[in-house]
Amino acid sequence: MSETLADGRIRSGPAVTPGEGLAGSEWPAKVAQGVEDTVAIVHDRVVRPLLIAGRALVFGLVAASMALVLAALLSIAAIRILDVYAFGHRVWPADALVGAILVAGGAFAWTKRTSSKAEEA
């Protein structure tokens, strides 16, 4: 752009007024907003599902280990109670009864299984 000075001379070059240029433009805010939007999209599509899967895995492992410990403690308690109160301090009948109950539970679970060949057909 050219500008006419008071003495009649013409000055060429861009006319810069205060507030224009890099400091006064909107691009820093637009770039910051674009970065923020990109990070939010990546978080929603990648990070959040990974966090949910990780939490499910950890909580599942904790629940499975607690169930295993509970099953062991209940078996021990059942054997102790049967040993003391039902079979007169003889351990083998208590072991046999608890073992039979566990085998019956396993046999029931075995009958409810499905083979992979039946699912494919």
PDB file of N, CA and C in Angstrom:
ATOM      1  N   MET A   1       0.849  -1.173   0.000  1.00  0.00           N
ATOM      2  CA  MET A   1       0.000   0.000   0.000  1.00  0.00           C
ATOM      3  C   MET A   1       0.899   1.242   0.000  1.00  0.00           C
ATOM      4  N   SER A   2       0.418   2.297  -0.571  1.00  0.00           N
ATOM      5  CA  SER A   2       1.182   3.542  -0.568  1.00  0.00           C
ATOM      6  C   SER A   2       0.415   4.589   0.231  1.00  0.00           C
ATOM      7  N   GLU A   3       1.180   5.521   0.802  1.00  0.00           N
ATOM      8  CA  GLU A   3       0.579   6.526   1.662  1.00  0.00           C
ATOM      9  C   GLU A   3       1.152   7.894   1.260  1.00  0.00           C
ATOM     10  N   THR A   4       0.311   8.923   1.190  1.00  0.00           N
ATOM     11  CA  THR A   4       0.759  10.281   0.850  1.00  0.00           C
ATOM     12  C   THR A   4       1.049  11.028   2.143  1.00  0.00           C
ATOM     13  N   LEU A   5       2.272  11.544   2.247  1.00  0.00           N
ATOM     14  CA  LEU A   5       2.661  12.285   3.436  1.00  0.00           C
ATOM     15  C   LEU A   5       2.224  13.747   3.322  1.00  0.00           C
ATOM     16  N   ALA A   6       2.362  14.514   4.394  1.00  0.00           N
ATOM     17  CA  ALA A   6       1.927  15.914   4.430  1.00  0.00           C
ATOM     18  C   ALA A   6       2.707  16.799   3.460  1.00  0.00           C
ATOM     19  N   ASP A   7       3.969  16.504   3.177  1.00  0.00           N
ATOM     20  CA  ASP A   7       4.764  17.329   2.275  1.00  0.00           C
ATOM     21  C   ASP A   7       4.605  16.914   0.817  1.00  0.00           C
ATOM     22  N   GLY A   8       3.718  15.973   0.522  1.00  0.00           N
ATOM     23  CA  GLY A   8       3.443  15.583  -0.844  1.00  0.00           C
ATOM     24  C   GLY A   8       4.196  14.353  -1.309  1.00  0.00           C
ATOM     25  N   ARG A   9       5.116  13.903  -0.538  1.00  0.00           N
ATOM     26  CA  ARG A   9       5.840  12.712  -0.942  1.00  0.00           C
ATOM     27  C   ARG A   9       4.963  11.477  -0.717  1.00  0.00           C
ATOM     28  N   ILE A  10       5.234  10.447  -1.458  1.00  0.00           N
ATOM     29  CA  ILE A  10       4.483   9.189  -1.344  1.00  0.00           C
ATOM     30  C   ILE A  10       5.395   8.158  -0.699  1.00  0.00           C
ATOM     31  N   ARG A  11       4.899   7.626   0.338  1.00  0.00           N
ATOM     32  CA  ARG A  11       5.636   6.564   1.020  1.00  0.00           C
ATOM     33  C   ARG A  11       4.998   5.234   0.653  1.00  0.00           C
ATOM     34  N   SER A  12       5.823   4.291   0.175  1.00  0.00           N
ATOM     35  CA  SER A  12       5.278   2.980  -0.212  1.00  0.00           C
ATOM     36  C   SER A  12       5.581   1.971   0.887  1.00  0.00           C
ATOM     37  N   GLY A  13       4.830   0.903   0.893  1.00  0.00           N
ATOM     38  CA  GLY A  13       5.000  -0.149   1.897  1.00  0.00           C
ATOM     39  C   GLY A  13       3.702  -0.360   2.642  1.00  0.00           C
ATOM     40  N   PRO A  14       3.643  -1.407   3.392  1.00  0.00           N
ATOM     41  CA  PRO A  14       2.384  -1.692   4.113  1.00  0.00           C
ATOM     42  C   PRO A  14       2.169  -0.707   5.252  1.00  0.00           C
ATOM     43  N   ALA A  15       0.965  -0.260   5.350  1.00  0.00           N
ATOM     44  CA  ALA A  15       0.607   0.622   6.447  1.00  0.00           C
ATOM     45  C   ALA A  15       0.210  -0.236   7.634  1.00  0.00           C
ATOM     46  N   VAL A  16       0.961  -0.147   8.699  1.00  0.00           N
ATOM     47  CA  VAL A  16       0.691  -0.952   9.886  1.00  0.00           C
ATOM     48  C   VAL A  16       0.131  -0.053  10.959  1.00  0.00           C
ATOM     49  N   THR A  17      -1.036  -0.396  11.405  1.00  0.00           N
ATOM     50  CA  THR A  17      -1.633   0.361  12.500  1.00  0.00           C
ATOM     51  C   THR A  17      -1.551  -0.483  13.751  1.00  0.00           C
ATOM     52  N   PRO A  18      -1.578   0.158  14.893  1.00  0.00           N
ATOM     53  CA  PRO A  18      -1.518  -0.624  16.129  1.00  0.00           C
ATOM     54  C   PRO A  18      -2.680  -1.600  16.209  1.00  0.00           C
ATOM     55  N   GLY A  19      -2.390  -2.796  16.703  1.00  0.00           N
ATOM     56  CA  GLY A  19      -3.424  -3.823  16.834  1.00  0.00           C
ATOM     57  C   GLY A  19      -3.444  -4.788  15.677  1.00  0.00           C
ATOM     58  N   GLU A  20      -2.701  -4.490  14.595  1.00  0.00           N
ATOM     59  CA  GLU A  20      -2.642  -5.408  13.477  1.00  0.00           C
ATOM     60  C   GLU A  20      -1.366  -6.215  13.558  1.00  0.00           C
ATOM     61  N   GLY A  21      -1.248  -7.220  12.752  1.00  0.00           N
ATOM     62  CA  GLY A  21      -0.053  -8.045  12.757  1.00  0.00           C
ATOM     63  C   GLY A  21      -0.270  -9.297  13.583  1.00  0.00           C
ATOM     64  N   LEU A  22       0.837  -9.902  14.006  1.00  0.00           N
ATOM     65  CA  LEU A  22       0.746 -11.173  14.718  1.00  0.00           C
ATOM     66  C   LEU A  22       0.112 -11.033  16.085  1.00  0.00           C
ATOM     67  N   ALA A  23       0.427  -9.940  16.787  1.00  0.00           N
ATOM     68  CA  ALA A  23      -0.069  -9.805  18.151  1.00  0.00           C
ATOM     69  C   ALA A  23      -1.568  -9.580  18.207  1.00  0.00           C
ATOM     70  N   GLY A  24      -2.111  -8.902  17.218  1.00  0.00           N
ATOM     71  CA  GLY A  24      -3.527  -8.583  17.267  1.00  0.00           C
ATOM     72  C   GLY A  24      -4.415  -9.552  16.523  1.00  0.00           C
ATOM     73  N   SER A  25      -3.841 -10.556  15.891  1.00  0.00           N
ATOM     74  CA  SER A  25      -4.672 -11.447  15.090  1.00  0.00           C
ATOM     75  C   SER A  25      -5.303 -12.531  15.959  1.00  0.00           C
ATOM     76  N   GLU A  26      -6.170 -13.302  15.338  1.00  0.00           N
ATOM     77  CA  GLU A  26      -6.915 -14.342  16.040  1.00  0.00           C
ATOM     78  C   GLU A  26      -6.259 -15.712  15.936  1.00  0.00           C
ATOM     79  N   TRP A  27      -5.174 -15.846  15.200  1.00  0.00           N
ATOM     80  CA  TRP A  27      -4.631 -17.172  14.933  1.00  0.00           C
ATOM     81  C   TRP A  27      -4.112 -17.894  16.173  1.00  0.00           C
ATOM     82  N   PRO A  28      -3.520 -17.226  17.172  1.00  0.00           N
ATOM     83  CA  PRO A  28      -3.099 -18.008  18.338  1.00  0.00           C
ATOM     84  C   PRO A  28      -4.268 -18.691  19.049  1.00  0.00           C
ATOM     85  N   ALA A  29      -5.377 -17.989  19.151  1.00  0.00           N
ATOM     86  CA  ALA A  29      -6.556 -18.582  19.789  1.00  0.00           C
ATOM     87  C   ALA A  29      -7.116 -19.722  18.952  1.00  0.00           C
ATOM     88  N   LYS A  30      -7.089 -19.556  17.619  1.00  0.00           N
ATOM     89  CA  LYS A  30      -7.594 -20.618  16.739  1.00  0.00           C
ATOM     90  C   LYS A  30      -6.704 -21.851  16.804  1.00  0.00           C
ATOM     91  N   VAL A  31      -5.395 -21.648  16.827  1.00  0.00           N
ATOM     92  CA  VAL A  31      -4.472 -22.781  16.923  1.00  0.00           C
ATOM     93  C   VAL A  31      -4.636 -23.494  18.258  1.00  0.00           C
ATOM     94  N   ALA A  32      -4.742 -22.723  19.338  1.00  0.00           N
ATOM     95  CA  ALA A  32      -4.933 -23.331  20.659  1.00  0.00           C
ATOM     96  C   ALA A  32      -6.238 -24.121  20.717  1.00  0.00           C
ATOM     97  N   GLN A  33      -7.291 -23.572  20.124  1.00  0.00           N
ATOM     98  CA  GLN A  33      -8.572 -24.280  20.098  1.00  0.00           C
ATOM     99  C   GLN A  33      -8.480 -25.548  19.258  1.00  0.00           C
ATOM    100  N   GLY A  34      -7.749 -25.499  18.152  1.00  0.00           N
ATOM    101  CA  GLY A  34      -7.568 -26.688  17.319  1.00  0.00           C
ATOM    102  C   GLY A  34      -6.799 -27.777  18.038  1.00  0.00           C
ATOM    103  N   VAL A  35      -5.758 -27.381  18.754  1.00  0.00           N
ATOM    104  CA  VAL A  35      -4.994 -28.365  19.537  1.00  0.00           C
ATOM    105  C   VAL A  35      -5.873 -28.969  20.628  1.00  0.00           C
ATOM    106  N   GLU A  36      -6.643 -28.132  21.299  1.00  0.00           N
ATOM    107  CA  GLU A  36      -7.525 -28.623  22.354  1.00  0.00           C
ATOM    108  C   GLU A  36      -8.584 -29.581  21.802  1.00  0.00           C
ATOM    109  N   ASP A  37      -9.147 -29.244  20.645  1.00  0.00           N
ATOM    110  CA  ASP A  37     -10.143 -30.126  20.022  1.00  0.00           C
ATOM    111  C   ASP A  37      -9.526 -31.460  19.610  1.00  0.00           C
ATOM    112  N   THR A  38      -8.301 -31.417  19.057  1.00  0.00           N
ATOM    113  CA  THR A  38      -7.624 -32.650  18.644  1.00  0.00           C
ATOM    114  C   THR A  38      -7.335 -33.544  19.842  1.00  0.00           C
ATOM    115  N   VAL A  39      -6.849 -32.939  20.920  1.00  0.00           N
ATOM    116  CA  VAL A  39      -6.570 -33.718  22.131  1.00  0.00           C
ATOM    117  C   VAL A  39      -7.855 -34.314  22.687  1.00  0.00           C
ATOM    118  N   ALA A  40      -8.952 -33.570  22.661  1.00  0.00           N
ATOM    119  CA  ALA A  40     -10.227 -34.092  23.158  1.00  0.00           C
ATOM    120  C   ALA A  40     -10.717 -35.256  22.305  1.00  0.00           C
ATOM    121  N   ILE A  41     -10.560 -35.161  20.991  1.00  0.00           N
ATOM    122  CA  ILE A  41     -10.986 -36.253  20.106  1.00  0.00           C
ATOM    123  C   ILE A  41     -10.155 -37.504  20.348  1.00  0.00           C
ATOM    124  N   VAL A  42      -8.835 -37.329  20.460  1.00  0.00           N
ATOM    125  CA  VAL A  42      -7.962 -38.478  20.728  1.00  0.00           C
ATOM    126  C   VAL A  42      -8.299 -39.093  22.076  1.00  0.00           C
ATOM    127  N   HIS A  43      -8.571 -38.260  23.066  1.00  0.00           N
ATOM    128  CA  HIS A  43      -8.925 -38.783  24.390  1.00  0.00           C
ATOM    129  C   HIS A  43     -10.221 -39.579  24.327  1.00  0.00           C
ATOM    130  N   ASP A  44     -11.223 -39.059  23.631  1.00  0.00           N
ATOM    131  CA  ASP A  44     -12.517 -39.742  23.565  1.00  0.00           C
ATOM    132  C   ASP A  44     -12.454 -41.043  22.774  1.00  0.00           C
ATOM    133  N   ARG A  45     -11.638 -41.081  21.722  1.00  0.00           N
ATOM    134  CA  ARG A  45     -11.632 -42.254  20.839  1.00  0.00           C
ATOM    135  C   ARG A  45     -10.581 -43.288  21.194  1.00  0.00           C
ATOM    136  N   VAL A  46      -9.510 -42.896  21.883  1.00  0.00           N
ATOM    137  CA  VAL A  46      -8.419 -43.834  22.157  1.00  0.00           C
ATOM    138  C   VAL A  46      -8.225 -44.046  23.652  1.00  0.00           C
ATOM    139  N   VAL A  47      -8.030 -42.968  24.376  1.00  0.00           N
ATOM    140  CA  VAL A  47      -7.649 -43.078  25.779  1.00  0.00           C
ATOM    141  C   VAL A  47      -8.798 -43.600  26.633  1.00  0.00           C
ATOM    142  N   ARG A  48     -10.001 -43.068  26.429  1.00  0.00           N
ATOM    143  CA  ARG A  48     -11.134 -43.490  27.262  1.00  0.00           C
ATOM    144  C   ARG A  48     -11.444 -44.982  27.127  1.00  0.00           C
ATOM    145  N   PRO A  49     -11.508 -45.561  25.903  1.00  0.00           N
ATOM    146  CA  PRO A  49     -11.736 -47.007  25.811  1.00  0.00           C
ATOM    147  C   PRO A  49     -10.611 -47.834  26.455  1.00  0.00           C
ATOM    148  N   LEU A  50      -9.370 -47.365  26.336  1.00  0.00           N
ATOM    149  CA  LEU A  50      -8.272 -48.077  26.990  1.00  0.00           C
ATOM    150  C   LEU A  50      -8.401 -48.021  28.505  1.00  0.00           C
ATOM    151  N   LEU A  51      -8.802 -46.886  29.042  1.00  0.00           N
ATOM    152  CA  LEU A  51      -9.003 -46.779  30.481  1.00  0.00           C
ATOM    153  C   LEU A  51     -10.130 -47.700  30.952  1.00  0.00           C
ATOM    154  N   ILE A  52     -11.204 -47.741  30.207  1.00  0.00           N
ATOM    155  CA  ILE A  52     -12.333 -48.599  30.580  1.00  0.00           C
ATOM    156  C   ILE A  52     -11.921 -50.071  30.525  1.00  0.00           C
ATOM    157  N   ALA A  53     -11.189 -50.461  29.480  1.00  0.00           N
ATOM    158  CA  ALA A  53     -10.734 -51.847  29.370  1.00  0.00           C
ATOM    159  C   ALA A  53      -9.762 -52.191  30.494  1.00  0.00           C
ATOM    160  N   GLY A  54      -8.880 -51.283  30.816  1.00  0.00           N
ATOM    161  CA  GLY A  54      -7.938 -51.527  31.913  1.00  0.00           C
ATOM    162  C   GLY A  54      -8.637 -51.664  33.246  1.00  0.00           C
ATOM    163  N   ARG A  55      -9.611 -50.798  33.493  1.00  0.00           N
ATOM    164  CA  ARG A  55     -10.366 -50.903  34.747  1.00  0.00           C
ATOM    165  C   ARG A  55     -11.137 -52.212  34.818  1.00  0.00           C
ATOM    166  N   ALA A  56     -11.762 -52.614  33.708  1.00  0.00           N
ATOM    167  CA  ALA A  56     -12.510 -53.874  33.693  1.00  0.00           C
ATOM    168  C   ALA A  56     -11.581 -55.051  33.955  1.00  0.00           C
ATOM    169  N   LEU A  57     -10.400 -55.027  33.367  1.00  0.00           N
ATOM    170  CA  LEU A  57      -9.437 -56.107  33.580  1.00  0.00           C
ATOM    171  C   LEU A  57      -8.996 -56.178  35.034  1.00  0.00           C
ATOM    172  N   VAL A  58      -8.668 -55.035  35.607  1.00  0.00           N
ATOM    173  CA  VAL A  58      -8.206 -55.017  36.998  1.00  0.00           C
ATOM    174  C   VAL A  58      -9.324 -55.445  37.942  1.00  0.00           C
ATOM    175  N   PHE A  59     -10.520 -54.886  37.774  1.00  0.00           N
ATOM    176  CA  PHE A  59     -11.626 -55.264  38.652  1.00  0.00           C
ATOM    177  C   PHE A  59     -12.002 -56.733  38.476  1.00  0.00           C
ATOM    178  N   GLY A  60     -11.920 -57.250  37.260  1.00  0.00           N
ATOM    179  CA  GLY A  60     -12.201 -58.670  37.034  1.00  0.00           C
ATOM    180  C   GLY A  60     -11.188 -59.565  37.726  1.00  0.00           C
ATOM    181  N   LEU A  61      -9.915 -59.193  37.641  1.00  0.00           N
ATOM    182  CA  LEU A  61      -8.889 -59.984  38.329  1.00  0.00           C
ATOM    183  C   LEU A  61      -9.066 -59.937  39.838  1.00  0.00           C
ATOM    184  N   VAL A  62      -9.392 -58.768  40.371  1.00  0.00           N
ATOM    185  CA  VAL A  62      -9.611 -58.650  41.818  1.00  0.00           C
ATOM    186  C   VAL A  62     -10.813 -59.491  42.235  1.00  0.00           C
ATOM    187  N   ALA A  63     -11.902 -59.416  41.479  1.00  0.00           N
ATOM    188  CA  ALA A  63     -13.097 -60.192  41.818  1.00  0.00           C
ATOM    189  C   ALA A  63     -12.828 -61.690  41.709  1.00  0.00           C
ATOM    190  N   ALA A  64     -12.093 -62.121  40.682  1.00  0.00           N
ATOM    191  CA  ALA A  64     -11.791 -63.542  40.525  1.00  0.00           C
ATOM    192  C   ALA A  64     -10.900 -64.046  41.655  1.00  0.00           C
ATOM    193  N   SER A  65      -9.911 -63.256  42.047  1.00  0.00           N
ATOM    194  CA  SER A  65      -9.038 -63.701  43.140  1.00  0.00           C
ATOM    195  C   SER A  65      -9.790 -63.724  44.463  1.00  0.00           C
ATOM    196  N   MET A  66     -10.683 -62.769  44.674  1.00  0.00           N
ATOM    197  CA  MET A  66     -11.487 -62.788  45.902  1.00  0.00           C
ATOM    198  C   MET A  66     -12.421 -63.997  45.921  1.00  0.00           C
ATOM    199  N   ALA A  67     -12.998 -64.344  44.778  1.00  0.00           N
ATOM    200  CA  ALA A  67     -13.878 -65.509  44.711  1.00  0.00           C
ATOM    201  C   ALA A  67     -13.103 -66.793  44.971  1.00  0.00           C
ATOM    202  N   LEU A  68     -11.886 -66.865  44.450  1.00  0.00           N
ATOM    203  CA  LEU A  68     -11.052 -68.045  44.687  1.00  0.00           C
ATOM    204  C   LEU A  68     -10.707 -68.192  46.161  1.00  0.00           C
ATOM    205  N   VAL A  69     -10.329 -67.104  46.797  1.00  0.00           N
ATOM    206  CA  VAL A  69     -10.006 -67.139  48.226  1.00  0.00           C
ATOM    207  C   VAL A  69     -11.250 -67.494  49.029  1.00  0.00           C
ATOM    208  N   LEU A  70     -12.388 -66.927  48.677  1.00  0.00           N
ATOM    209  CA  LEU A  70     -13.630 -67.233  49.390  1.00  0.00           C
ATOM    210  C   LEU A  70     -14.002 -68.703  49.247  1.00  0.00           C
ATOM    211  N   ALA A  71     -13.857 -69.256  48.055  1.00  0.00           N
ATOM    212  CA  ALA A  71     -14.169 -70.671  47.851  1.00  0.00           C
ATOM    213  C   ALA A  71     -13.243 -71.558  48.681  1.00  0.00           C
ATOM    214  N   ALA A  72     -11.966 -71.223  48.739  1.00  0.00           N
ATOM    215  CA  ALA A  72     -11.027 -72.010  49.541  1.00  0.00           C
ATOM    216  C   ALA A  72     -11.372 -71.922  51.024  1.00  0.00           C
ATOM    217  N   LEU A  73     -11.679 -70.719  51.501  1.00  0.00           N
ATOM    218  CA  LEU A  73     -12.019 -70.562  52.914  1.00  0.00           C
ATOM    219  C   LEU A  73     -13.323 -71.274  53.271  1.00  0.00           C
ATOM    220  N   LEU A  74     -14.301 -71.233  52.384  1.00  0.00           N
ATOM    221  CA  LEU A  74     -15.558 -71.945  52.649  1.00  0.00           C
ATOM    222  C   LEU A  74     -15.352 -73.456  52.663  1.00  0.00           C
ATOM    223  N   SER A  75     -14.486 -73.954  51.777  1.00  0.00           N
ATOM    224  CA  SER A  75     -14.193 -75.394  51.787  1.00  0.00           C
ATOM    225  C   SER A  75     -13.500 -75.798  53.077  1.00  0.00           C
ATOM    226  N   ILE A  76     -12.554 -75.006  53.507  1.00  0.00           N
ATOM    227  CA  ILE A  76     -11.853 -75.308  54.765  1.00  0.00           C
ATOM    228  C   ILE A  76     -12.817 -75.241  55.942  1.00  0.00           C
ATOM    229  N   ALA A  77     -13.684 -74.237  55.957  1.00  0.00           N
ATOM    230  CA  ALA A  77     -14.653 -74.114  57.046  1.00  0.00           C
ATOM    231  C   ALA A  77     -15.628 -75.289  57.042  1.00  0.00           C
ATOM    232  N   ALA A  78     -16.065 -75.706  55.870  1.00  0.00           N
ATOM    233  CA  ALA A  78     -16.989 -76.840  55.798  1.00  0.00           C
ATOM    234  C   ALA A  78     -16.322 -78.112  56.311  1.00  0.00           C
ATOM    235  N   ILE A  79     -15.085 -78.339  55.935  1.00  0.00           N
ATOM    236  CA  ILE A  79     -14.376 -79.532  56.414  1.00  0.00           C
ATOM    237  C   ILE A  79     -14.191 -79.478  57.923  1.00  0.00           C
ATOM    238  N   ARG A  80     -13.825 -78.314  58.458  1.00  0.00           N
ATOM    239  CA  ARG A  80     -13.636 -78.196  59.913  1.00  0.00           C
ATOM    240  C   ARG A  80     -14.943 -78.417  60.661  1.00  0.00           C
ATOM    241  N   ILE A  81     -16.032 -77.827  60.179  1.00  0.00           N
ATOM    242  CA  ILE A  81     -17.332 -77.976  60.849  1.00  0.00           C
ATOM    243  C   ILE A  81     -17.789 -79.425  60.794  1.00  0.00           C
ATOM    244  N   LEU A  82     -17.674 -80.062  59.604  1.00  0.00           N
ATOM    245  CA  LEU A  82     -18.071 -81.460  59.495  1.00  0.00           C
ATOM    246  C   LEU A  82     -17.182 -82.360  60.348  1.00  0.00           C
ATOM    247  N   ASP A  83     -15.891 -82.049  60.412  1.00  0.00           N
ATOM    248  CA  ASP A  83     -14.961 -82.849  61.195  1.00  0.00           C
ATOM    249  C   ASP A  83     -15.303 -82.803  62.679  1.00  0.00           C
ATOM    250  N   VAL A  84     -15.588 -81.627  63.172  1.00  0.00           N
ATOM    251  CA  VAL A  84     -15.818 -81.479  64.616  1.00  0.00           C
ATOM    252  C   VAL A  84     -17.225 -81.907  65.008  1.00  0.00           C
ATOM    253  N   TYR A  85     -18.241 -81.477  64.271  1.00  0.00           N
ATOM    254  CA  TYR A  85     -19.615 -81.679  64.726  1.00  0.00           C
ATOM    255  C   TYR A  85     -20.325 -82.871  64.098  1.00  0.00           C
ATOM    256  N   ALA A  86     -19.974 -83.285  62.900  1.00  0.00           N
ATOM    257  CA  ALA A  86     -20.745 -84.334  62.231  1.00  0.00           C
ATOM    258  C   ALA A  86     -20.076 -85.705  62.313  1.00  0.00           C
ATOM    259  N   PHE A  87     -18.754 -85.764  62.196  1.00  0.00           N
ATOM    260  CA  PHE A  87     -18.100 -87.061  62.080  1.00  0.00           C
ATOM    261  C   PHE A  87     -17.193 -87.395  63.255  1.00  0.00           C
ATOM    262  N   GLY A  88     -17.314 -86.722  64.354  1.00  0.00           N
ATOM    263  CA  GLY A  88     -16.596 -87.083  65.574  1.00  0.00           C
ATOM    264  C   GLY A  88     -15.083 -87.049  65.439  1.00  0.00           C
ATOM    265  N   HIS A  89     -14.527 -85.998  64.927  1.00  0.00           N
ATOM    266  CA  HIS A  89     -13.088 -85.782  64.767  1.00  0.00           C
ATOM    267  C   HIS A  89     -12.428 -86.774  63.819  1.00  0.00           C
ATOM    268  N   ARG A  90     -13.191 -87.275  62.868  1.00  0.00           N
ATOM    269  CA  ARG A  90     -12.600 -88.059  61.783  1.00  0.00           C
ATOM    270  C   ARG A  90     -12.634 -87.198  60.527  1.00  0.00           C
ATOM    271  N   VAL A  91     -11.481 -87.007  59.923  1.00  0.00           N
ATOM    272  CA  VAL A  91     -11.364 -86.050  58.838  1.00  0.00           C
ATOM    273  C   VAL A  91     -11.767 -86.648  57.491  1.00  0.00           C
ATOM    274  N   TRP A  92     -11.474 -87.936  57.273  1.00  0.00           N
ATOM    275  CA  TRP A  92     -11.685 -88.484  55.937  1.00  0.00           C
ATOM    276  C   TRP A  92     -13.140 -88.443  55.485  1.00  0.00           C
ATOM    277  N   PRO A  93     -14.155 -88.647  56.346  1.00  0.00           N
ATOM    278  CA  PRO A  93     -15.530 -88.521  55.831  1.00  0.00           C
ATOM    279  C   PRO A  93     -15.866 -87.071  55.446  1.00  0.00           C
ATOM    280  N   ALA A  94     -15.331 -86.115  56.189  1.00  0.00           N
ATOM    281  CA  ALA A  94     -15.575 -84.709  55.849  1.00  0.00           C
ATOM    282  C   ALA A  94     -14.921 -84.377  54.514  1.00  0.00           C
ATOM    283  N   ASP A  95     -13.686 -84.851  54.322  1.00  0.00           N
ATOM    284  CA  ASP A  95     -13.004 -84.632  53.045  1.00  0.00           C
ATOM    285  C   ASP A  95     -13.778 -85.291  51.904  1.00  0.00           C
ATOM    286  N   ALA A  96     -14.279 -86.492  52.128  1.00  0.00           N
ATOM    287  CA  ALA A  96     -15.013 -87.206  51.094  1.00  0.00           C
ATOM    288  C   ALA A  96     -16.315 -86.475  50.736  1.00  0.00           C
ATOM    289  N   LEU A  97     -17.031 -85.996  51.748  1.00  0.00           N
ATOM    290  CA  LEU A  97     -18.294 -85.307  51.491  1.00  0.00           C
ATOM    291  C   LEU A  97     -18.061 -83.995  50.731  1.00  0.00           C
ATOM    292  N   VAL A  98     -17.102 -83.183  51.182  1.00  0.00           N
ATOM    293  CA  VAL A  98     -16.825 -81.909  50.492  1.00  0.00           C
ATOM    294  C   VAL A  98     -16.296 -82.181  49.076  1.00  0.00           C
ATOM    295  N   GLY A  99     -15.458 -83.201  48.934  1.00  0.00           N
ATOM    296  CA  GLY A  99     -14.964 -83.565  47.605  1.00  0.00           C
ATOM    297  C   GLY A  99     -16.082 -84.003  46.687  1.00  0.00           C
ATOM    298  N   ALA A 100     -17.044 -84.772  47.212  1.00  0.00           N
ATOM    299  CA  ALA A 100     -18.181 -85.209  46.401  1.00  0.00           C
ATOM    300  C   ALA A 100     -19.034 -84.029  45.965  1.00  0.00           C
ATOM    301  N   ILE A 101     -19.217 -83.076  46.854  1.00  0.00           N
ATOM    302  CA  ILE A 101     -19.997 -81.881  46.500  1.00  0.00           C
ATOM    303  C   ILE A 101     -19.291 -81.099  45.395  1.00  0.00           C
ATOM    304  N   LEU A 102     -17.957 -80.954  45.520  1.00  0.00           N
ATOM    305  CA  LEU A 102     -17.205 -80.218  44.499  1.00  0.00           C
ATOM    306  C   LEU A 102     -17.195 -80.969  43.159  1.00  0.00           C
ATOM    307  N   VAL A 103     -17.091 -82.293  43.203  1.00  0.00           N
ATOM    308  CA  VAL A 103     -17.126 -83.079  41.964  1.00  0.00           C
ATOM    309  C   VAL A 103     -18.501 -82.973  41.320  1.00  0.00           C
ATOM    310  N   ALA A 104     -19.557 -82.997  42.118  1.00  0.00           N
ATOM    311  CA  ALA A 104     -20.910 -82.855  41.567  1.00  0.00           C
ATOM    312  C   ALA A 104     -21.078 -81.486  40.904  1.00  0.00           C
ATOM    313  N   GLY A 105     -20.539 -80.441  41.524  1.00  0.00           N
ATOM    314  CA  GLY A 105     -20.597 -79.108  40.922  1.00  0.00           C
ATOM    315  C   GLY A 105     -19.820 -79.056  39.618  1.00  0.00           C
ATOM    316  N   GLY A 106     -18.652 -79.701  39.584  1.00  0.00           N
ATOM    317  CA  GLY A 106     -17.876 -79.748  38.352  1.00  0.00           C
ATOM    318  C   GLY A 106     -18.572 -80.535  37.265  1.00  0.00           C
ATOM    319  N   ALA A 107     -19.219 -81.633  37.630  1.00  0.00           N
ATOM    320  CA  ALA A 107     -19.950 -82.428  36.648  1.00  0.00           C
ATOM    321  C   ALA A 107     -21.132 -81.647  36.077  1.00  0.00           C
ATOM    322  N   PHE A 108     -21.813 -80.893  36.931  1.00  0.00           N
ATOM    323  CA  PHE A 108     -22.917 -80.060  36.454  1.00  0.00           C
ATOM    324  C   PHE A 108     -22.403 -79.006  35.472  1.00  0.00           C
ATOM    325  N   ALA A 109     -21.287 -78.349  35.817  1.00  0.00           N
ATOM    326  CA  ALA A 109     -20.712 -77.344  34.917  1.00  0.00           C
ATOM    327  C   ALA A 109     -20.265 -77.988  33.611  1.00  0.00           C
ATOM    328  N   TRP A 110     -19.765 -79.222  33.672  1.00  0.00           N
ATOM    329  CA  TRP A 110     -19.312 -79.932  32.469  1.00  0.00           C
ATOM    330  C   TRP A 110     -20.482 -80.201  31.527  1.00  0.00           C
ATOM    331  N   THR A 111     -21.655 -80.509  32.084  1.00  0.00           N
ATOM    332  CA  THR A 111     -22.809 -80.781  31.231  1.00  0.00           C
ATOM    333  C   THR A 111     -23.329 -79.511  30.561  1.00  0.00           C
ATOM    334  N   LYS A 112     -23.048 -78.346  31.129  1.00  0.00           N
ATOM    335  CA  LYS A 112     -23.527 -77.083  30.568  1.00  0.00           C
ATOM    336  C   LYS A 112     -22.579 -76.482  29.549  1.00  0.00           C
ATOM    337  N   ARG A 113     -21.437 -77.107  29.317  1.00  0.00           N
ATOM    338  CA  ARG A 113     -20.471 -76.564  28.358  1.00  0.00           C
ATOM    339  C   ARG A 113     -20.976 -76.801  26.944  1.00  0.00           C
ATOM    340  N   THR A 114     -20.425 -76.047  25.990  1.00  0.00           N
ATOM    341  CA  THR A 114     -20.721 -76.255  24.584  1.00  0.00           C
ATOM    342  C   THR A 114     -19.409 -76.439  23.864  1.00  0.00           C
ATOM    343  N   SER A 115     -19.417 -77.294  22.857  1.00  0.00           N
ATOM    344  CA  SER A 115     -18.198 -77.536  22.103  1.00  0.00           C
ATOM    345  C   SER A 115     -18.036 -76.462  21.032  1.00  0.00           C
ATOM    346  N   SER A 116     -16.809 -76.204  20.632  1.00  0.00           N
ATOM    347  CA  SER A 116     -16.567 -75.196  19.617  1.00  0.00           C
ATOM    348  C   SER A 116     -17.076 -75.644  18.241  1.00  0.00           C
ATOM    349  N   LYS A 117     -17.141 -76.962  17.996  1.00  0.00           N
ATOM    350  CA  LYS A 117     -17.647 -77.478  16.720  1.00  0.00           C
ATOM    351  C   LYS A 117     -19.149 -77.222  16.602  1.00  0.00           C
ATOM    352  N   ALA A 118     -19.874 -77.300  17.716  1.00  0.00           N
ATOM    353  CA  ALA A 118     -21.311 -77.061  17.677  1.00  0.00           C
ATOM    354  C   ALA A 118     -21.602 -75.584  17.415  1.00  0.00           C
ATOM    355  N   GLU A 119     -20.751 -74.683  17.899  1.00  0.00           N
ATOM    356  CA  GLU A 119     -20.958 -73.253  17.665  1.00  0.00           C
ATOM    357  C   GLU A 119     -20.673 -72.878  16.227  1.00  0.00           C
ATOM    358  N   GLU A 120     -19.715 -73.550  15.575  1.00  0.00           N
ATOM    359  CA  GLU A 120     -19.363 -73.237  14.205  1.00  0.00           C
ATOM    360  C   GLU A 120     -20.425 -73.717  13.209  1.00  0.00           C
ATOM    361  N   ALA A 121     -21.124 -74.768  13.541  1.00  0.00           N
ATOM    362  CA  ALA A 121     -22.081 -75.362  12.609  1.00  0.00           C
ATOM    363  C   ALA A 121     -23.360 -74.571  12.515  1.00  0.00           C
TER     364      ALA A 121
END
